[in-house]
Amino acid sequence: MKYTMPQEIEVWYVIPALRRELAKALTLKHKLSQKEAAELLGISEAAVSQYIKEKRAKEIRFNKEDIKEIDKTAKKMTSIKDKNKSIKLLYSLSKRFRKEAIICSMHKKHDKNISNKCRICFE
């Protein structure tokens, strides 16, 4: 029997969804080119394009409050325009979502062995 770790859920679903929203915010709200957004996010221009068109990372939808936090991070990224600092900002954002039920709901959806009472991410 194979078990899925919460960290796998984060890598497979949460981080791509964060990149999707950051790519959209950087290009559509903050008017960066796809190339500039790709450089800040440490991904390819093609990946940015797919995120904007929502061809990637479709499983997670963030609420309005989460989108505001993601947009604040995008704004910080545009002001510093430094890839290393942008990666730190993305990491901080991903840590925020570890404390929320997003990972838990995705974990339970993709691993039927996980109990509804699971609290592994919060221990």
N, C-alpha and C. Protein backbone atom coordinates (compact mmCIF):
# COMPACT_ATOMS: atom_id res chain seq x y z
N MET A 1 0.84 -1.18 0.00
CA MET A 1 0.00 0.00 0.00
C MET A 1 0.89 1.25 0.00
N LYS A 2 0.66 2.14 -0.93
CA LYS A 2 1.45 3.36 -1.05
C LYS A 2 0.75 4.50 -0.32
N TYR A 3 1.52 5.23 0.45
CA TYR A 3 1.01 6.42 1.14
C TYR A 3 1.62 7.66 0.50
N THR A 4 0.85 8.70 0.46
CA THR A 4 1.31 9.97 -0.05
C THR A 4 1.65 10.87 1.13
N MET A 5 2.82 11.49 1.07
CA MET A 5 3.24 12.40 2.13
C MET A 5 2.63 13.79 1.89
N PRO A 6 2.35 14.54 2.94
CA PRO A 6 1.84 15.91 2.76
C PRO A 6 2.79 16.77 1.91
N GLN A 7 4.08 16.52 2.04
CA GLN A 7 5.06 17.29 1.27
C GLN A 7 4.89 17.05 -0.23
N GLU A 8 4.51 15.82 -0.60
CA GLU A 8 4.26 15.52 -2.01
C GLU A 8 3.07 16.31 -2.53
N ILE A 9 2.04 16.41 -1.72
CA ILE A 9 0.86 17.19 -2.09
C ILE A 9 1.25 18.65 -2.29
N GLU A 10 2.08 19.15 -1.40
CA GLU A 10 2.53 20.54 -1.52
C GLU A 10 3.28 20.76 -2.84
N VAL A 11 4.19 19.84 -3.15
CA VAL A 11 5.00 19.98 -4.37
C VAL A 11 4.16 19.78 -5.63
N TRP A 12 3.26 18.81 -5.61
CA TRP A 12 2.47 18.49 -6.81
C TRP A 12 1.33 19.45 -7.06
N TYR A 13 0.74 20.02 -5.98
CA TYR A 13 -0.48 20.80 -6.15
C TYR A 13 -0.39 22.24 -5.63
N VAL A 14 0.09 22.42 -4.40
CA VAL A 14 0.04 23.74 -3.78
C VAL A 14 1.03 24.70 -4.44
N ILE A 15 2.28 24.30 -4.57
CA ILE A 15 3.28 25.19 -5.17
C ILE A 15 2.92 25.54 -6.61
N PRO A 16 2.51 24.58 -7.44
CA PRO A 16 2.07 24.97 -8.80
C PRO A 16 0.88 25.93 -8.78
N ALA A 17 -0.06 25.74 -7.86
CA ALA A 17 -1.21 26.66 -7.79
C ALA A 17 -0.76 28.05 -7.36
N LEU A 18 0.20 28.12 -6.45
CA LEU A 18 0.76 29.42 -6.05
C LEU A 18 1.47 30.08 -7.23
N ARG A 19 2.24 29.30 -7.97
CA ARG A 19 2.91 29.84 -9.15
C ARG A 19 1.90 30.33 -10.18
N ARG A 20 0.80 29.59 -10.33
CA ARG A 20 -0.25 30.01 -11.27
C ARG A 20 -0.77 31.40 -10.89
N GLU A 21 -1.13 31.56 -9.63
CA GLU A 21 -1.69 32.85 -9.20
C GLU A 21 -0.64 33.96 -9.23
N LEU A 22 0.60 33.63 -8.88
CA LEU A 22 1.66 34.64 -8.96
C LEU A 22 1.93 35.04 -10.41
N ALA A 23 1.95 34.07 -11.31
CA ALA A 23 2.18 34.37 -12.73
C ALA A 23 1.07 35.28 -13.26
N LYS A 24 -0.17 34.98 -12.88
CA LYS A 24 -1.29 35.82 -13.31
C LYS A 24 -1.17 37.22 -12.73
N ALA A 25 -0.86 37.31 -11.45
CA ALA A 25 -0.74 38.62 -10.81
C ALA A 25 0.41 39.43 -11.39
N LEU A 26 1.56 38.78 -11.57
CA LEU A 26 2.73 39.49 -12.09
C LEU A 26 2.50 40.03 -13.50
N THR A 27 1.84 39.23 -14.33
CA THR A 27 1.66 39.66 -15.73
C THR A 27 0.41 40.49 -15.95
N LEU A 28 -0.69 40.10 -15.34
CA LEU A 28 -1.95 40.78 -15.62
C LEU A 28 -2.17 42.02 -14.74
N LYS A 29 -1.82 41.94 -13.47
CA LYS A 29 -2.02 43.09 -12.57
C LYS A 29 -0.83 44.02 -12.53
N HIS A 30 0.37 43.45 -12.54
CA HIS A 30 1.58 44.26 -12.36
C HIS A 30 2.34 44.48 -13.67
N LYS A 31 1.77 44.02 -14.76
CA LYS A 31 2.24 44.32 -16.13
C LYS A 31 3.67 43.90 -16.44
N LEU A 32 4.15 42.83 -15.79
CA LEU A 32 5.46 42.29 -16.17
C LEU A 32 5.28 41.43 -17.41
N SER A 33 6.33 41.31 -18.19
CA SER A 33 6.27 40.40 -19.33
C SER A 33 6.32 38.97 -18.81
N GLN A 34 5.95 38.02 -19.66
CA GLN A 34 6.02 36.62 -19.26
C GLN A 34 7.47 36.23 -18.97
N LYS A 35 8.39 36.81 -19.72
CA LYS A 35 9.82 36.53 -19.49
C LYS A 35 10.24 37.01 -18.11
N GLU A 36 9.85 38.23 -17.75
CA GLU A 36 10.21 38.78 -16.43
C GLU A 36 9.58 37.95 -15.31
N ALA A 37 8.31 37.57 -15.49
CA ALA A 37 7.63 36.75 -14.48
C ALA A 37 8.32 35.40 -14.34
N ALA A 38 8.70 34.81 -15.46
CA ALA A 38 9.39 33.52 -15.44
C ALA A 38 10.70 33.62 -14.68
N GLU A 39 11.43 34.68 -14.90
CA GLU A 39 12.71 34.87 -14.20
C GLU A 39 12.50 35.00 -12.70
N LEU A 40 11.50 35.76 -12.29
CA LEU A 40 11.23 35.93 -10.86
C LEU A 40 10.77 34.64 -10.20
N LEU A 41 9.99 33.84 -10.93
CA LEU A 41 9.45 32.60 -10.38
C LEU A 41 10.38 31.41 -10.55
N GLY A 42 11.44 31.59 -11.34
CA GLY A 42 12.39 30.49 -11.55
C GLY A 42 11.82 29.38 -12.40
N ILE A 43 10.95 29.74 -13.35
CA ILE A 43 10.33 28.77 -14.25
C ILE A 43 10.46 29.26 -15.69
N SER A 44 10.03 28.47 -16.64
CA SER A 44 10.14 28.85 -18.04
C SER A 44 9.01 29.79 -18.45
N GLU A 45 9.24 30.51 -19.55
CA GLU A 45 8.19 31.36 -20.10
C GLU A 45 6.97 30.53 -20.50
N ALA A 46 7.23 29.33 -21.04
CA ALA A 46 6.14 28.44 -21.44
C ALA A 46 5.28 28.07 -20.22
N ALA A 47 5.92 27.83 -19.09
CA ALA A 47 5.18 27.50 -17.86
C ALA A 47 4.31 28.69 -17.45
N VAL A 48 4.86 29.90 -17.52
CA VAL A 48 4.09 31.10 -17.18
C VAL A 48 2.87 31.20 -18.09
N SER A 49 3.07 30.99 -19.38
CA SER A 49 1.97 31.04 -20.35
C SER A 49 0.89 30.02 -19.99
N GLN A 50 1.31 28.81 -19.66
CA GLN A 50 0.33 27.77 -19.30
C GLN A 50 -0.39 28.10 -18.00
N TYR A 51 0.30 28.69 -17.06
CA TYR A 51 -0.36 29.10 -15.81
C TYR A 51 -1.39 30.19 -16.09
N ILE A 52 -1.03 31.16 -16.91
CA ILE A 52 -1.96 32.26 -17.22
C ILE A 52 -3.21 31.73 -17.91
N LYS A 53 -3.02 30.78 -18.82
CA LYS A 53 -4.14 30.19 -19.56
C LYS A 53 -4.85 29.10 -18.76
N GLU A 54 -4.37 28.86 -17.54
CA GLU A 54 -4.91 27.85 -16.63
C GLU A 54 -4.90 26.45 -17.25
N LYS A 55 -3.82 26.15 -17.95
CA LYS A 55 -3.61 24.81 -18.48
C LYS A 55 -2.84 23.94 -17.49
N ARG A 56 -2.33 24.55 -16.44
CA ARG A 56 -1.61 23.86 -15.37
C ARG A 56 -2.22 24.24 -14.04
N ALA A 57 -2.03 23.36 -13.07
CA ALA A 57 -2.39 23.65 -11.67
C ALA A 57 -3.85 24.05 -11.51
N LYS A 58 -4.74 23.24 -12.03
CA LYS A 58 -6.17 23.56 -12.01
C LYS A 58 -6.91 23.06 -10.77
N GLU A 59 -6.30 22.20 -10.00
CA GLU A 59 -7.04 21.53 -8.93
C GLU A 59 -7.31 22.38 -7.70
N ILE A 60 -6.46 23.34 -7.44
CA ILE A 60 -6.64 24.17 -6.24
C ILE A 60 -7.13 25.56 -6.63
N ARG A 61 -8.18 25.99 -5.94
CA ARG A 61 -8.69 27.36 -6.10
C ARG A 61 -8.58 28.03 -4.74
N PHE A 62 -8.03 29.21 -4.75
CA PHE A 62 -7.84 29.95 -3.51
C PHE A 62 -9.02 30.87 -3.26
N ASN A 63 -9.28 31.14 -1.98
CA ASN A 63 -10.34 32.09 -1.64
C ASN A 63 -9.83 33.52 -1.80
N LYS A 64 -10.71 34.49 -1.63
CA LYS A 64 -10.37 35.90 -1.85
C LYS A 64 -9.25 36.37 -0.93
N GLU A 65 -9.28 35.94 0.32
CA GLU A 65 -8.24 36.34 1.28
C GLU A 65 -6.88 35.79 0.85
N ASP A 66 -6.86 34.55 0.41
CA ASP A 66 -5.61 33.94 -0.06
C ASP A 66 -5.08 34.67 -1.30
N ILE A 67 -5.98 35.02 -2.21
CA ILE A 67 -5.58 35.74 -3.43
C ILE A 67 -4.97 37.09 -3.07
N LYS A 68 -5.52 37.75 -2.05
CA LYS A 68 -4.95 39.03 -1.60
C LYS A 68 -3.52 38.84 -1.11
N GLU A 69 -3.28 37.78 -0.35
CA GLU A 69 -1.92 37.49 0.15
C GLU A 69 -0.97 37.18 -1.01
N ILE A 70 -1.46 36.42 -1.96
CA ILE A 70 -0.64 36.07 -3.13
C ILE A 70 -0.32 37.34 -3.91
N ASP A 71 -1.30 38.22 -4.06
CA ASP A 71 -1.07 39.48 -4.78
C ASP A 71 -0.08 40.38 -4.05
N LYS A 72 -0.13 40.40 -2.71
CA LYS A 72 0.84 41.18 -1.94
C LYS A 72 2.26 40.66 -2.21
N THR A 73 2.38 39.34 -2.28
CA THR A 73 3.68 38.74 -2.57
C THR A 73 4.13 39.11 -3.98
N ALA A 74 3.22 39.08 -4.94
CA ALA A 74 3.56 39.46 -6.32
C ALA A 74 4.02 40.92 -6.36
N LYS A 75 3.35 41.76 -5.62
CA LYS A 75 3.74 43.18 -5.58
C LYS A 75 5.15 43.34 -5.02
N LYS A 76 5.46 42.60 -3.95
CA LYS A 76 6.81 42.65 -3.38
C LYS A 76 7.84 42.17 -4.41
N MET A 77 7.48 41.11 -5.15
CA MET A 77 8.39 40.58 -6.16
C MET A 77 8.68 41.62 -7.24
N THR A 78 7.66 42.37 -7.63
CA THR A 78 7.87 43.38 -8.67
C THR A 78 8.72 44.53 -8.18
N SER A 79 8.65 44.81 -6.89
CA SER A 79 9.43 45.92 -6.36
C SER A 79 10.90 45.57 -6.17
N ILE A 80 11.20 44.31 -5.89
CA ILE A 80 12.60 43.94 -5.67
C ILE A 80 13.28 43.41 -6.93
N LYS A 81 12.48 42.72 -7.78
CA LYS A 81 12.98 42.14 -9.03
C LYS A 81 14.31 41.41 -8.87
N ASP A 82 14.37 40.57 -7.85
CA ASP A 82 15.56 39.77 -7.56
C ASP A 82 15.11 38.33 -7.42
N LYS A 83 15.62 37.44 -8.27
CA LYS A 83 15.17 36.06 -8.28
C LYS A 83 15.35 35.38 -6.93
N ASN A 84 16.50 35.56 -6.30
CA ASN A 84 16.75 34.91 -5.02
C ASN A 84 15.77 35.37 -3.94
N LYS A 85 15.50 36.66 -3.90
CA LYS A 85 14.55 37.18 -2.92
C LYS A 85 13.12 36.75 -3.27
N SER A 86 12.84 36.63 -4.57
CA SER A 86 11.51 36.18 -4.99
C SER A 86 11.26 34.75 -4.56
N ILE A 87 12.29 33.91 -4.67
CA ILE A 87 12.15 32.51 -4.25
C ILE A 87 11.88 32.46 -2.74
N LYS A 88 12.54 33.33 -1.97
CA LYS A 88 12.28 33.38 -0.53
C LYS A 88 10.84 33.80 -0.25
N LEU A 89 10.33 34.74 -1.05
CA LEU A 89 8.95 35.18 -0.88
C LEU A 89 7.97 34.04 -1.21
N LEU A 90 8.26 33.29 -2.27
CA LEU A 90 7.43 32.14 -2.63
C LEU A 90 7.47 31.09 -1.52
N TYR A 91 8.65 30.86 -0.97
CA TYR A 91 8.79 29.90 0.12
C TYR A 91 7.96 30.34 1.33
N SER A 92 8.03 31.62 1.68
CA SER A 92 7.24 32.13 2.81
C SER A 92 5.74 31.95 2.57
N LEU A 93 5.35 32.20 1.34
CA LEU A 93 3.94 32.02 0.97
C LEU A 93 3.54 30.55 1.10
N SER A 94 4.39 29.65 0.64
CA SER A 94 4.06 28.23 0.73
C SER A 94 3.98 27.78 2.19
N LYS A 95 4.83 28.34 3.06
CA LYS A 95 4.77 28.01 4.49
C LYS A 95 3.43 28.42 5.09
N ARG A 96 2.91 29.55 4.63
CA ARG A 96 1.61 30.03 5.12
C ARG A 96 0.52 29.00 4.82
N PHE A 97 0.58 28.41 3.64
CA PHE A 97 -0.46 27.47 3.24
C PHE A 97 -0.30 26.09 3.86
N ARG A 98 0.85 25.81 4.44
CA ARG A 98 1.02 24.55 5.17
C ARG A 98 0.13 24.53 6.41
N LYS A 99 -0.16 25.69 6.92
CA LYS A 99 -0.95 25.81 8.15
C LYS A 99 -2.45 25.85 7.88
N GLU A 100 -2.82 25.75 6.62
CA GLU A 100 -4.23 25.80 6.26
C GLU A 100 -4.69 24.42 5.79
N ALA A 101 -5.96 24.29 5.60
CA ALA A 101 -6.53 22.99 5.25
C ALA A 101 -6.38 22.64 3.76
N ILE A 102 -5.75 23.49 2.98
CA ILE A 102 -5.61 23.21 1.55
C ILE A 102 -4.86 21.91 1.33
N ILE A 103 -3.74 21.75 2.00
CA ILE A 103 -2.96 20.52 1.84
C ILE A 103 -3.76 19.33 2.34
N CYS A 104 -4.44 19.49 3.45
CA CYS A 104 -5.22 18.38 4.01
C CYS A 104 -6.32 17.93 3.05
N SER A 105 -7.05 18.86 2.50
CA SER A 105 -8.14 18.47 1.60
C SER A 105 -7.61 17.78 0.36
N MET A 106 -6.49 18.28 -0.19
CA MET A 106 -5.90 17.63 -1.36
C MET A 106 -5.33 16.26 -0.99
N HIS A 107 -4.74 16.17 0.18
CA HIS A 107 -4.15 14.91 0.64
C HIS A 107 -5.25 13.84 0.76
N LYS A 108 -6.35 14.20 1.38
CA LYS A 108 -7.46 13.26 1.55
C LYS A 108 -8.09 12.89 0.20
N LYS A 109 -8.11 13.83 -0.71
CA LYS A 109 -8.67 13.57 -2.03
C LYS A 109 -7.82 12.57 -2.82
N HIS A 110 -6.51 12.66 -2.69
CA HIS A 110 -5.61 11.86 -3.51
C HIS A 110 -5.06 10.62 -2.81
N ASP A 111 -5.29 10.50 -1.53
CA ASP A 111 -4.82 9.31 -0.82
C ASP A 111 -5.97 8.83 0.07
N LYS A 112 -6.65 7.81 -0.40
CA LYS A 112 -7.83 7.28 0.30
C LYS A 112 -7.46 6.59 1.61
N ASN A 113 -6.16 6.41 1.86
CA ASN A 113 -5.72 5.80 3.12
C ASN A 113 -5.67 6.79 4.27
N ILE A 114 -5.83 8.07 3.97
CA ILE A 114 -5.75 9.11 4.99
C ILE A 114 -7.09 9.23 5.72
N SER A 115 -7.03 9.20 7.01
CA SER A 115 -8.22 9.32 7.85
C SER A 115 -8.76 10.75 7.81
N ASN A 116 -10.06 10.87 7.94
CA ASN A 116 -10.67 12.20 8.01
C ASN A 116 -10.23 12.95 9.26
N LYS A 117 -9.73 12.23 10.25
CA LYS A 117 -9.26 12.84 11.49
C LYS A 117 -7.76 13.17 11.45
N CYS A 118 -7.13 12.96 10.31
CA CYS A 118 -5.69 13.19 10.19
C CYS A 118 -5.32 14.63 10.56
N ARG A 119 -4.26 14.77 11.34
CA ARG A 119 -3.76 16.09 11.76
C ARG A 119 -2.24 16.16 11.55
N ILE A 120 -1.72 15.30 10.72
CA ILE A 120 -0.25 15.18 10.55
C ILE A 120 0.42 16.51 10.21
N CYS A 121 -0.23 17.32 9.42
CA CYS A 121 0.37 18.60 9.00
C CYS A 121 0.44 19.62 10.13
N PHE A 122 -0.34 19.40 11.18
CA PHE A 122 -0.43 20.38 12.25
C PHE A 122 0.30 19.93 13.51
N GLU A 123 0.98 18.78 13.44
CA GLU A 123 1.68 18.28 14.62
C GLU A 123 3.09 18.77 14.66
